[in-house]
Amino acid sequence: MKILRDRTEQRQIEIALRERTRALEILNRAGANLARENDLEKVMTQIIFLPVSSTR
């Protein structure tokens, strides 16, 4: 006997969790950049490119 289950909701939750994790990783990197860099222009440049570099 097999029981079929709709996993749509579980998959949607997993996708949302991955997106949330990625956003938190970007924020974490931005915070680390702020903590170690004194040059505001460099910090802003690094933060602007974080989402791009984190997808690689």
C-alpha atoms as a PDB file:
ATOM      1  CA  MET A   1       0.000   0.000   0.000  1.00  0.00           C
ATOM      2  CA  LYS A   2       1.376   3.385  -1.012  1.00  0.00           C
ATOM      3  CA  ILE A   3       0.309   6.756   0.290  1.00  0.00           C
ATOM      4  CA  LEU A   4       0.740   9.663  -2.077  1.00  0.00           C
ATOM      5  CA  ARG A   5       1.384  13.048  -0.527  1.00  0.00           C
ATOM      6  CA  ASP A   6       1.297  16.494  -2.021  1.00  0.00           C
ATOM      7  CA  ARG A   7       4.771  17.939  -1.445  1.00  0.00           C
ATOM      8  CA  THR A   8       4.026  21.314  -3.035  1.00  0.00           C
ATOM      9  CA  GLU A   9       3.869  23.141   0.274  1.00  0.00           C
ATOM     10  CA  GLN A  10       7.077  21.505   1.516  1.00  0.00           C
ATOM     11  CA  ARG A  11       8.911  22.493  -1.670  1.00  0.00           C
ATOM     12  CA  GLN A  12       7.666  26.076  -1.397  1.00  0.00           C
ATOM     13  CA  ILE A  13       8.926  26.216   2.186  1.00  0.00           C
ATOM     14  CA  GLU A  14      12.317  24.847   1.124  1.00  0.00           C
ATOM     15  CA  ILE A  15      12.614  27.470  -1.634  1.00  0.00           C
ATOM     16  CA  ALA A  16      11.676  30.259   0.787  1.00  0.00           C
ATOM     17  CA  LEU A  17      14.241  28.961   3.276  1.00  0.00           C
ATOM     18  CA  ARG A  18      16.988  28.940   0.624  1.00  0.00           C
ATOM     19  CA  GLU A  19      16.119  32.513  -0.384  1.00  0.00           C
ATOM     20  CA  ARG A  20      16.138  33.634   3.249  1.00  0.00           C
ATOM     21  CA  THR A  21      19.480  31.918   3.854  1.00  0.00           C
ATOM     22  CA  ARG A  22      20.991  33.645   0.798  1.00  0.00           C
ATOM     23  CA  ALA A  23      19.747  37.044   1.978  1.00  0.00           C
ATOM     24  CA  LEU A  24      21.213  36.471   5.439  1.00  0.00           C
ATOM     25  CA  GLU A  25      24.551  35.400   3.937  1.00  0.00           C
ATOM     26  CA  ILE A  26      24.655  38.659   1.940  1.00  0.00           C
ATOM     27  CA  LEU A  27      23.868  40.690   5.071  1.00  0.00           C
ATOM     28  CA  ASN A  28      26.551  38.819   6.968  1.00  0.00           C
ATOM     29  CA  ARG A  29      29.151  39.615   4.301  1.00  0.00           C
ATOM     30  CA  ALA A  30      28.064  43.264   4.235  1.00  0.00           C
ATOM     31  CA  GLY A  31      28.469  43.465   8.018  1.00  0.00           C
ATOM     32  CA  ALA A  32      31.915  41.895   7.833  1.00  0.00           C
ATOM     33  CA  ASN A  33      32.935  44.442   5.181  1.00  0.00           C
ATOM     34  CA  LEU A  34      31.691  47.301   7.356  1.00  0.00           C
ATOM     35  CA  ALA A  35      33.601  45.980  10.346  1.00  0.00           C
ATOM     36  CA  ARG A  36      36.981  45.742   8.615  1.00  0.00           C
ATOM     37  CA  GLU A  37      36.968  48.661   6.152  1.00  0.00           C
ATOM     38  CA  ASN A  38      37.297  52.359   6.978  1.00  0.00           C
ATOM     39  CA  ASP A  39      36.859  53.697   3.435  1.00  0.00           C
ATOM     40  CA  LEU A  40      33.122  54.269   2.906  1.00  0.00           C
ATOM     41  CA  GLU A  41      33.433  54.266  -0.882  1.00  0.00           C
ATOM     42  CA  LYS A  42      35.111  50.839  -0.819  1.00  0.00           C
ATOM     43  CA  VAL A  43      32.464  49.504   1.547  1.00  0.00           C
ATOM     44  CA  MET A  44      29.641  50.700  -0.681  1.00  0.00           C
ATOM     45  CA  THR A  45      31.277  49.211  -3.777  1.00  0.00           C
ATOM     46  CA  GLN A  46      31.760  45.866  -2.024  1.00  0.00           C
ATOM     47  CA  ILE A  47      28.188  45.814  -0.744  1.00  0.00           C
ATOM     48  CA  ILE A  48      26.743  46.683  -4.153  1.00  0.00           C
ATOM     49  CA  PHE A  49      28.526  43.714  -5.727  1.00  0.00           C
ATOM     50  CA  LEU A  50      27.809  41.218  -2.919  1.00  0.00           C
ATOM     51  CA  PRO A  51      24.587  39.803  -4.406  1.00  0.00           C
ATOM     52  CA  VAL A  52      26.379  39.236  -7.721  1.00  0.00           C
ATOM     53  CA  SER A  53      29.445  37.586  -6.198  1.00  0.00           C
ATOM     54  CA  SER A  54      27.405  35.411  -3.838  1.00  0.00           C
ATOM     55  CA  THR A  55      25.689  33.663  -6.756  1.00  0.00           C
ATOM     56  CA  ARG A  56      28.985  32.321  -8.070  1.00  0.00           C
END
